[in-house]
């Protein structure tokens, strides 16, 4: 299966990987959340080629994750996160939590704290019915309504 064909898979994990499954895209989003908005600032922070950066920014705009608009001050344009973009934040924090646990032997390089009380922000997986905190061992993938109409699809889920 070609990478682009993954967008047609009836899977809510696989489909987003077509947009987010490249390291530069996630790093661009990390910097967007830190307040970087201008093309040159992204390029300076990342050390990425102009062409590759433009490609990733264009893809994020195409999918409604970023919007390009005229800056409030000055003549330049800037890239701003949309609501769809802001909804990616828990994904980045989940990756950060995993990285802090398994790849930060000297402790977390950055603390993400709650502005109001200074407690640390973490992602929590919980049941929407009873509120119990869950792990992968507690979850059973089951076919959903989006799988029913998918022609010629392996009906296994997960």
N, C-alpha and C. Protein backbone atom coordinates (compact mmCIF):
# COMPACT_ATOMS: atom_id res chain seq x y z
N UNK A 1 0.84 -1.17 0.00
CA UNK A 1 0.00 0.00 0.00
C UNK A 1 0.89 1.24 0.00
N UNK A 2 0.56 2.19 -0.85
CA UNK A 2 1.30 3.44 -0.92
C UNK A 2 0.90 4.36 0.23
N UNK A 3 1.82 5.21 0.64
CA UNK A 3 1.60 6.11 1.76
C UNK A 3 0.33 6.94 1.58
N UNK A 4 0.12 7.48 0.38
CA UNK A 4 -1.05 8.33 0.12
C UNK A 4 -2.36 7.56 0.26
N UNK A 5 -2.32 6.25 -0.01
CA UNK A 5 -3.53 5.43 0.09
C UNK A 5 -3.99 5.24 1.53
N UNK A 6 -3.11 5.50 2.47
CA UNK A 6 -3.49 5.36 3.87
C UNK A 6 -4.63 6.30 4.24
N UNK A 7 -4.76 7.43 3.53
CA UNK A 7 -5.83 8.39 3.81
C UNK A 7 -7.21 7.80 3.55
N UNK A 8 -7.28 6.74 2.77
CA UNK A 8 -8.56 6.10 2.45
C UNK A 8 -8.89 4.95 3.39
N UNK A 9 -7.96 4.57 4.25
CA UNK A 9 -8.20 3.48 5.19
C UNK A 9 -9.26 3.89 6.21
N UNK A 10 -10.20 3.02 6.51
CA UNK A 10 -11.21 3.36 7.51
C UNK A 10 -10.65 3.17 8.92
N UNK A 11 -9.68 4.00 9.28
CA UNK A 11 -9.03 3.90 10.58
C UNK A 11 -8.66 5.29 11.05
N UNK A 12 -9.14 5.67 12.22
CA UNK A 12 -8.90 7.00 12.75
C UNK A 12 -7.53 7.16 13.38
N UNK A 13 -6.70 6.13 13.34
CA UNK A 13 -5.29 6.27 13.70
C UNK A 13 -4.47 6.40 12.43
N UNK A 14 -4.77 5.59 11.43
CA UNK A 14 -4.01 5.58 10.18
C UNK A 14 -4.21 6.87 9.38
N UNK A 15 -5.43 7.34 9.23
CA UNK A 15 -5.70 8.53 8.41
C UNK A 15 -4.91 9.76 8.84
N UNK A 16 -4.89 10.10 10.13
CA UNK A 16 -4.12 11.29 10.53
C UNK A 16 -2.62 11.15 10.28
N UNK A 17 -2.12 9.92 10.22
CA UNK A 17 -0.69 9.74 9.98
C UNK A 17 -0.27 10.24 8.61
N UNK A 18 -1.20 10.30 7.67
CA UNK A 18 -0.89 10.85 6.34
C UNK A 18 -0.51 12.32 6.47
N UNK A 19 -1.10 13.02 7.42
CA UNK A 19 -0.80 14.43 7.64
C UNK A 19 0.29 14.60 8.69
N UNK A 20 0.19 13.88 9.79
CA UNK A 20 1.06 14.11 10.95
C UNK A 20 2.22 13.14 11.08
N UNK A 21 2.29 12.14 10.23
CA UNK A 21 3.25 11.06 10.41
C UNK A 21 4.65 11.33 9.93
N UNK A 22 5.03 12.56 9.84
CA UNK A 22 6.38 12.90 9.41
C UNK A 22 6.99 13.78 10.49
N UNK A 23 8.24 13.54 10.81
CA UNK A 23 8.85 14.22 11.97
C UNK A 23 8.83 15.73 11.85
N UNK A 24 9.00 16.26 10.64
CA UNK A 24 9.04 17.72 10.51
C UNK A 24 7.70 18.34 10.84
N UNK A 25 6.62 17.69 10.46
CA UNK A 25 5.29 18.23 10.72
C UNK A 25 5.06 18.38 12.21
N UNK A 26 5.38 17.36 12.98
CA UNK A 26 5.17 17.43 14.43
C UNK A 26 6.08 18.47 15.08
N UNK A 27 7.30 18.60 14.59
CA UNK A 27 8.21 19.60 15.15
C UNK A 27 7.73 21.01 14.79
N UNK A 28 7.24 21.20 13.58
CA UNK A 28 6.66 22.50 13.19
C UNK A 28 5.51 22.84 14.13
N UNK A 29 4.65 21.87 14.41
CA UNK A 29 3.52 22.11 15.31
C UNK A 29 4.01 22.42 16.72
N UNK A 30 5.04 21.73 17.18
CA UNK A 30 5.60 22.03 18.51
C UNK A 30 6.01 23.50 18.58
N UNK A 31 6.69 23.97 17.54
CA UNK A 31 7.12 25.38 17.52
C UNK A 31 5.93 26.33 17.37
N UNK A 32 4.92 25.93 16.62
CA UNK A 32 3.72 26.78 16.49
C UNK A 32 3.06 26.95 17.86
N UNK A 33 3.02 25.89 18.66
CA UNK A 33 2.46 25.99 20.00
C UNK A 33 3.33 26.86 20.92
N UNK A 34 4.60 26.97 20.61
CA UNK A 34 5.48 27.80 21.43
C UNK A 34 5.44 29.27 21.01
N UNK A 35 4.66 29.57 19.98
CA UNK A 35 4.46 30.97 19.59
C UNK A 35 5.14 31.39 18.30
N UNK A 36 5.84 30.49 17.65
CA UNK A 36 6.46 30.85 16.37
C UNK A 36 5.38 30.92 15.30
N UNK A 37 5.42 32.00 14.50
CA UNK A 37 4.36 32.20 13.50
C UNK A 37 4.90 32.55 12.12
N UNK A 38 6.13 33.02 12.04
CA UNK A 38 6.67 33.48 10.75
C UNK A 38 7.53 32.41 10.10
N UNK A 39 7.48 32.36 8.77
CA UNK A 39 8.24 31.38 8.00
C UNK A 39 9.71 31.37 8.38
N UNK A 40 10.33 32.56 8.38
CA UNK A 40 11.76 32.65 8.68
C UNK A 40 12.08 32.19 10.10
N UNK A 41 11.18 32.41 11.03
CA UNK A 41 11.40 31.96 12.41
C UNK A 41 11.34 30.43 12.49
N UNK A 42 10.40 29.82 11.76
CA UNK A 42 10.35 28.36 11.70
C UNK A 42 11.65 27.82 11.10
N UNK A 43 12.07 28.42 10.00
CA UNK A 43 13.27 27.93 9.33
C UNK A 43 14.50 28.08 10.21
N UNK A 44 14.61 29.19 10.89
CA UNK A 44 15.75 29.42 11.77
C UNK A 44 15.75 28.42 12.94
N UNK A 45 14.59 28.16 13.52
CA UNK A 45 14.49 27.25 14.66
C UNK A 45 14.75 25.81 14.25
N UNK A 46 14.33 25.43 13.05
CA UNK A 46 14.40 24.03 12.62
C UNK A 46 15.64 23.68 11.81
N UNK A 47 16.19 24.65 11.08
CA UNK A 47 17.30 24.35 10.19
C UNK A 47 16.87 23.48 9.02
N UNK A 48 15.63 23.56 8.64
CA UNK A 48 15.03 22.77 7.56
C UNK A 48 15.13 23.57 6.26
N UNK A 49 15.18 22.88 5.12
CA UNK A 49 15.24 23.59 3.85
C UNK A 49 13.94 24.37 3.63
N UNK A 50 14.05 25.45 2.90
CA UNK A 50 12.87 26.29 2.63
C UNK A 50 11.78 25.50 1.92
N UNK A 51 12.18 24.67 0.95
CA UNK A 51 11.21 23.89 0.19
C UNK A 51 10.47 22.89 1.06
N UNK A 52 11.20 22.18 1.89
CA UNK A 52 10.56 21.18 2.77
C UNK A 52 9.65 21.87 3.78
N UNK A 53 10.11 22.99 4.35
CA UNK A 53 9.28 23.73 5.30
C UNK A 53 8.01 24.22 4.62
N UNK A 54 8.13 24.79 3.43
CA UNK A 54 6.95 25.29 2.72
C UNK A 54 5.98 24.15 2.43
N UNK A 55 6.50 22.99 2.02
CA UNK A 55 5.65 21.83 1.76
C UNK A 55 4.86 21.44 3.00
N UNK A 56 5.53 21.37 4.16
CA UNK A 56 4.84 20.95 5.38
C UNK A 56 3.84 22.01 5.83
N UNK A 57 4.20 23.28 5.73
CA UNK A 57 3.25 24.34 6.10
C UNK A 57 2.04 24.33 5.18
N UNK A 58 2.28 24.15 3.87
CA UNK A 58 1.16 24.08 2.92
C UNK A 58 0.23 22.92 3.23
N UNK A 59 0.80 21.77 3.61
CA UNK A 59 -0.02 20.60 3.95
C UNK A 59 -0.87 20.88 5.19
N UNK A 60 -0.27 21.55 6.18
CA UNK A 60 -1.02 21.88 7.40
C UNK A 60 -2.14 22.89 7.10
N UNK A 61 -1.90 23.80 6.18
CA UNK A 61 -2.95 24.74 5.76
C UNK A 61 -4.04 23.99 5.00
N UNK A 62 -3.63 23.15 4.06
CA UNK A 62 -4.58 22.38 3.25
C UNK A 62 -5.55 21.57 4.12
N UNK A 63 -5.05 21.07 5.24
CA UNK A 63 -5.88 20.24 6.11
C UNK A 63 -6.52 21.03 7.25
N UNK A 64 -6.43 22.35 7.19
CA UNK A 64 -7.13 23.19 8.16
C UNK A 64 -6.52 23.20 9.56
N UNK A 65 -5.24 22.86 9.67
CA UNK A 65 -4.56 22.83 10.96
C UNK A 65 -3.90 24.17 11.25
N UNK A 66 -3.39 24.79 10.19
CA UNK A 66 -2.86 26.15 10.27
C UNK A 66 -3.61 27.02 9.29
N UNK A 67 -3.60 28.30 9.53
CA UNK A 67 -4.12 29.27 8.58
C UNK A 67 -3.04 30.33 8.39
N UNK A 68 -2.88 30.79 7.16
CA UNK A 68 -1.91 31.83 6.87
C UNK A 68 -2.68 33.14 6.77
N UNK A 69 -2.23 34.13 7.53
CA UNK A 69 -2.94 35.41 7.54
C UNK A 69 -1.97 36.56 7.70
N UNK A 70 -2.43 37.74 7.36
CA UNK A 70 -1.63 38.95 7.53
C UNK A 70 -1.48 39.21 9.02
N UNK A 71 -0.27 39.55 9.42
CA UNK A 71 0.01 39.82 10.83
C UNK A 71 -0.73 41.07 11.29
N UNK A 72 -1.08 41.12 12.57
CA UNK A 72 -1.77 42.28 13.13
C UNK A 72 -0.88 43.52 13.05
N UNK A 73 0.42 43.33 13.18
CA UNK A 73 1.37 44.44 13.11
C UNK A 73 2.41 44.10 12.05
N UNK A 74 2.66 45.04 11.15
CA UNK A 74 3.66 44.81 10.10
C UNK A 74 3.02 44.27 8.83
N UNK A 75 3.86 44.14 7.81
CA UNK A 75 3.37 43.73 6.50
C UNK A 75 3.53 42.23 6.24
N UNK A 76 4.11 41.52 7.16
CA UNK A 76 4.37 40.09 6.91
C UNK A 76 3.13 39.23 7.16
N UNK A 77 3.21 37.99 6.67
CA UNK A 77 2.16 37.03 6.94
C UNK A 77 2.64 36.08 8.02
N UNK A 78 1.70 35.47 8.71
CA UNK A 78 2.06 34.51 9.75
C UNK A 78 1.16 33.30 9.70
N UNK A 79 1.63 32.24 10.29
CA UNK A 79 0.90 30.98 10.37
C UNK A 79 0.31 30.85 11.76
N UNK A 80 -1.00 30.66 11.82
CA UNK A 80 -1.70 30.56 13.11
C UNK A 80 -2.41 29.22 13.21
N UNK A 81 -2.42 28.66 14.40
CA UNK A 81 -3.14 27.41 14.64
C UNK A 81 -4.64 27.66 14.60
N UNK A 82 -5.36 26.78 13.95
CA UNK A 82 -6.82 26.81 13.97
C UNK A 82 -7.29 25.98 15.17
N UNK A 83 -8.59 25.89 15.38
CA UNK A 83 -9.09 25.02 16.45
C UNK A 83 -8.68 23.58 16.18
N UNK A 84 -8.76 23.16 14.93
CA UNK A 84 -8.31 21.82 14.56
C UNK A 84 -6.84 21.63 14.92
N UNK A 85 -6.04 22.66 14.73
CA UNK A 85 -4.64 22.62 15.11
C UNK A 85 -4.46 22.54 16.61
N UNK A 86 -5.21 23.35 17.35
CA UNK A 86 -5.12 23.32 18.81
C UNK A 86 -5.51 21.95 19.37
N UNK A 87 -6.39 21.26 18.67
CA UNK A 87 -6.81 19.93 19.14
C UNK A 87 -5.71 18.88 19.01
N UNK A 88 -4.60 19.22 18.37
CA UNK A 88 -3.46 18.30 18.26
C UNK A 88 -2.59 18.36 19.52
N UNK A 89 -2.74 19.38 20.33
CA UNK A 89 -1.88 19.56 21.50
C UNK A 89 -1.78 18.32 22.41
N UNK A 90 -2.88 17.65 22.72
CA UNK A 90 -2.75 16.46 23.56
C UNK A 90 -1.89 15.36 22.93
N UNK A 91 -1.86 15.29 21.61
CA UNK A 91 -0.99 14.31 20.94
C UNK A 91 0.47 14.63 21.23
N UNK A 92 0.82 15.90 21.10
CA UNK A 92 2.21 16.31 21.37
C UNK A 92 2.57 16.07 22.84
N UNK A 93 1.64 16.36 23.75
CA UNK A 93 1.94 16.13 25.16
C UNK A 93 2.04 14.64 25.48
N UNK A 94 1.27 13.81 24.79
CA UNK A 94 1.40 12.36 25.00
C UNK A 94 2.78 11.88 24.54
N UNK A 95 3.25 12.39 23.41
CA UNK A 95 4.60 12.06 22.93
C UNK A 95 5.63 12.56 23.93
N UNK A 96 5.43 13.78 24.44
CA UNK A 96 6.34 14.34 25.44
C UNK A 96 6.38 13.47 26.70
N UNK A 97 5.22 13.04 27.20
CA UNK A 97 5.18 12.18 28.39
C UNK A 97 5.98 10.91 28.16
N UNK A 98 5.80 10.29 26.99
CA UNK A 98 6.54 9.06 26.66
C UNK A 98 8.04 9.36 26.59
N UNK A 99 8.39 10.46 25.94
CA UNK A 99 9.79 10.84 25.82
C UNK A 99 10.43 11.12 27.17
N UNK A 100 9.70 11.80 28.07
CA UNK A 100 10.23 12.07 29.41
C UNK A 100 10.45 10.78 30.18
N UNK A 101 9.56 9.81 29.98
CA UNK A 101 9.67 8.54 30.69
C UNK A 101 10.82 7.68 30.17
N UNK A 102 10.98 7.61 28.85
CA UNK A 102 11.91 6.66 28.27
C UNK A 102 13.16 7.25 27.61
N UNK A 103 13.20 8.55 27.42
CA UNK A 103 14.32 9.12 26.68
C UNK A 103 14.95 10.34 27.35
N UNK A 104 14.66 10.55 28.62
CA UNK A 104 15.21 11.70 29.33
C UNK A 104 15.86 11.21 30.63
N UNK A 105 17.03 10.58 30.53
CA UNK A 105 17.66 9.99 31.71
C UNK A 105 17.98 11.00 32.82
N UNK A 106 18.16 12.26 32.46
CA UNK A 106 18.47 13.29 33.46
C UNK A 106 17.23 14.06 33.90
N UNK A 107 16.06 13.60 33.48
CA UNK A 107 14.81 14.28 33.80
C UNK A 107 14.30 15.07 32.61
N UNK A 108 13.07 15.52 32.70
CA UNK A 108 12.46 16.26 31.59
C UNK A 108 13.26 17.52 31.23
N UNK A 109 13.55 17.73 29.95
CA UNK A 109 14.26 18.94 29.55
C UNK A 109 13.38 20.19 29.64
N UNK A 110 12.07 20.00 29.55
CA UNK A 110 11.13 21.13 29.62
C UNK A 110 9.95 20.69 30.47
N UNK A 111 9.51 21.55 31.36
CA UNK A 111 8.29 21.29 32.13
C UNK A 111 7.16 22.09 31.49
N UNK A 112 6.03 21.45 31.32
CA UNK A 112 4.83 22.10 30.79
C UNK A 112 3.89 22.30 31.97
N UNK A 113 3.78 23.54 32.44
CA UNK A 113 3.04 23.80 33.67
C UNK A 113 1.75 24.57 33.42
N UNK A 114 0.81 24.32 34.29
CA UNK A 114 -0.48 25.02 34.29
C UNK A 114 -0.25 26.46 34.74
N UNK A 115 -0.63 27.40 33.91
CA UNK A 115 -0.39 28.82 34.18
C UNK A 115 -1.00 29.26 35.52
N UNK A 116 -2.15 28.71 35.89
CA UNK A 116 -2.85 29.17 37.09
C UNK A 116 -2.27 28.63 38.39
N UNK A 117 -1.82 27.37 38.41
CA UNK A 117 -1.37 26.79 39.69
C UNK A 117 0.05 26.23 39.63
N UNK A 118 0.68 26.22 38.47
CA UNK A 118 2.04 25.71 38.22
C UNK A 118 2.17 24.19 38.31
N UNK A 119 1.06 23.47 38.41
CA UNK A 119 1.12 22.01 38.33
C UNK A 119 1.52 21.60 36.92
N UNK A 120 2.02 20.37 36.75
CA UNK A 120 2.44 19.91 35.42
C UNK A 120 1.26 19.36 34.62
N UNK A 121 1.30 19.63 33.32
CA UNK A 121 0.28 19.14 32.40
C UNK A 121 0.67 17.75 31.90
N UNK A 122 -0.27 16.82 31.95
CA UNK A 122 -0.07 15.46 31.43
C UNK A 122 -1.34 15.02 30.72
N UNK A 123 -1.17 14.08 29.81
CA UNK A 123 -2.31 13.51 29.10
C UNK A 123 -2.79 12.31 29.91
N UNK A 124 -4.11 12.19 30.01
CA UNK A 124 -4.70 11.09 30.76
C UNK A 124 -5.73 10.40 29.86
N UNK A 125 -5.64 9.09 29.75
CA UNK A 125 -6.61 8.31 29.00
C UNK A 125 -7.66 7.82 29.99
N UNK A 126 -8.91 8.15 29.72
CA UNK A 126 -9.97 7.74 30.65
C UNK A 126 -11.23 7.35 29.91
N UNK A 127 -12.04 6.58 30.59
CA UNK A 127 -13.33 6.15 30.06
C UNK A 127 -14.30 7.33 30.09
N UNK A 128 -15.00 7.58 28.98
CA UNK A 128 -15.94 8.70 28.96
C UNK A 128 -17.22 8.39 29.74
N UNK A 129 -17.44 7.15 30.10
CA UNK A 129 -18.63 6.77 30.85
C UNK A 129 -18.41 6.87 32.36
N UNK A 130 -17.35 6.24 32.87
CA UNK A 130 -17.16 6.17 34.33
C UNK A 130 -15.97 6.98 34.84
N UNK A 131 -15.13 7.49 33.92
CA UNK A 131 -13.99 8.31 34.32
C UNK A 131 -12.77 7.54 34.79
N UNK A 132 -12.82 6.20 34.74
CA UNK A 132 -11.68 5.40 35.16
C UNK A 132 -10.49 5.64 34.24
N UNK A 133 -9.30 5.79 34.82
CA UNK A 133 -8.09 5.92 34.01
C UNK A 133 -7.80 4.57 33.37
N UNK A 134 -7.42 4.61 32.07
CA UNK A 134 -7.25 3.38 31.29
C UNK A 134 -5.83 3.23 30.77
N UNK A 135 -5.46 1.97 30.48
CA UNK A 135 -4.25 1.65 29.74
C UNK A 135 -4.68 0.82 28.54
N UNK A 136 -3.75 0.47 27.66
CA UNK A 136 -4.07 -0.35 26.49
C UNK A 136 -4.68 -1.68 26.90
N UNK A 137 -4.30 -2.21 28.05
CA UNK A 137 -4.85 -3.49 28.51
C UNK A 137 -6.33 -3.41 28.88
N UNK A 138 -6.83 -2.20 29.10
CA UNK A 138 -8.22 -2.01 29.51
C UNK A 138 -9.16 -1.72 28.34
N UNK A 139 -8.62 -1.58 27.14
CA UNK A 139 -9.41 -1.14 25.99
C UNK A 139 -9.57 -2.27 24.97
N UNK A 140 -10.79 -2.42 24.46
CA UNK A 140 -11.07 -3.41 23.42
C UNK A 140 -11.55 -2.69 22.17
N UNK A 141 -10.79 -2.71 21.08
CA UNK A 141 -11.26 -2.10 19.83
C UNK A 141 -12.45 -2.89 19.28
N UNK A 142 -13.49 -2.20 18.86
CA UNK A 142 -14.67 -2.82 18.29
C UNK A 142 -15.05 -2.06 17.03
N UNK A 143 -15.68 -2.72 16.05
CA UNK A 143 -16.09 -2.02 14.83
C UNK A 143 -17.03 -0.85 15.15
N UNK A 144 -16.79 0.27 14.48
CA UNK A 144 -17.64 1.44 14.66
C UNK A 144 -18.43 1.72 13.40
N UNK A 145 -19.28 2.74 13.41
CA UNK A 145 -20.14 3.02 12.26
C UNK A 145 -19.38 3.35 10.98
N UNK A 146 -18.18 3.90 11.09
CA UNK A 146 -17.39 4.24 9.90
C UNK A 146 -16.81 3.04 9.19
N UNK A 147 -16.79 1.90 9.83
CA UNK A 147 -16.26 0.69 9.22
C UNK A 147 -17.32 -0.05 8.43
N UNK A 148 -18.58 0.13 8.80
CA UNK A 148 -19.69 -0.63 8.20
C UNK A 148 -19.78 -0.45 6.69
N UNK A 149 -19.59 0.76 6.20
CA UNK A 149 -19.76 1.02 4.77
C UNK A 149 -18.50 0.92 3.95
N UNK A 150 -17.39 0.56 4.55
CA UNK A 150 -16.12 0.52 3.84
C UNK A 150 -16.02 -0.76 3.01
N UNK A 151 -15.98 -0.63 1.67
CA UNK A 151 -15.94 -1.83 0.81
C UNK A 151 -14.58 -2.53 0.86
N UNK A 152 -14.61 -3.85 0.86
CA UNK A 152 -13.40 -4.65 0.75
C UNK A 152 -12.36 -4.41 1.84
N UNK A 153 -12.82 -4.15 3.03
CA UNK A 153 -11.92 -3.83 4.13
C UNK A 153 -11.80 -5.03 5.07
N UNK A 154 -10.59 -5.26 5.53
CA UNK A 154 -10.37 -6.27 6.56
C UNK A 154 -11.14 -5.80 7.79
N UNK A 155 -12.06 -6.57 8.27
CA UNK A 155 -12.95 -6.16 9.36
C UNK A 155 -12.30 -6.24 10.74
N UNK A 156 -11.06 -6.69 10.81
CA UNK A 156 -10.38 -6.65 12.11
C UNK A 156 -10.11 -5.22 12.46
N UNK A 157 -10.18 -4.91 13.72
CA UNK A 157 -9.93 -3.54 14.17
C UNK A 157 -8.77 -3.52 15.13
N UNK A 158 -8.23 -2.32 15.33
CA UNK A 158 -7.16 -2.19 16.32
C UNK A 158 -5.90 -1.74 15.77
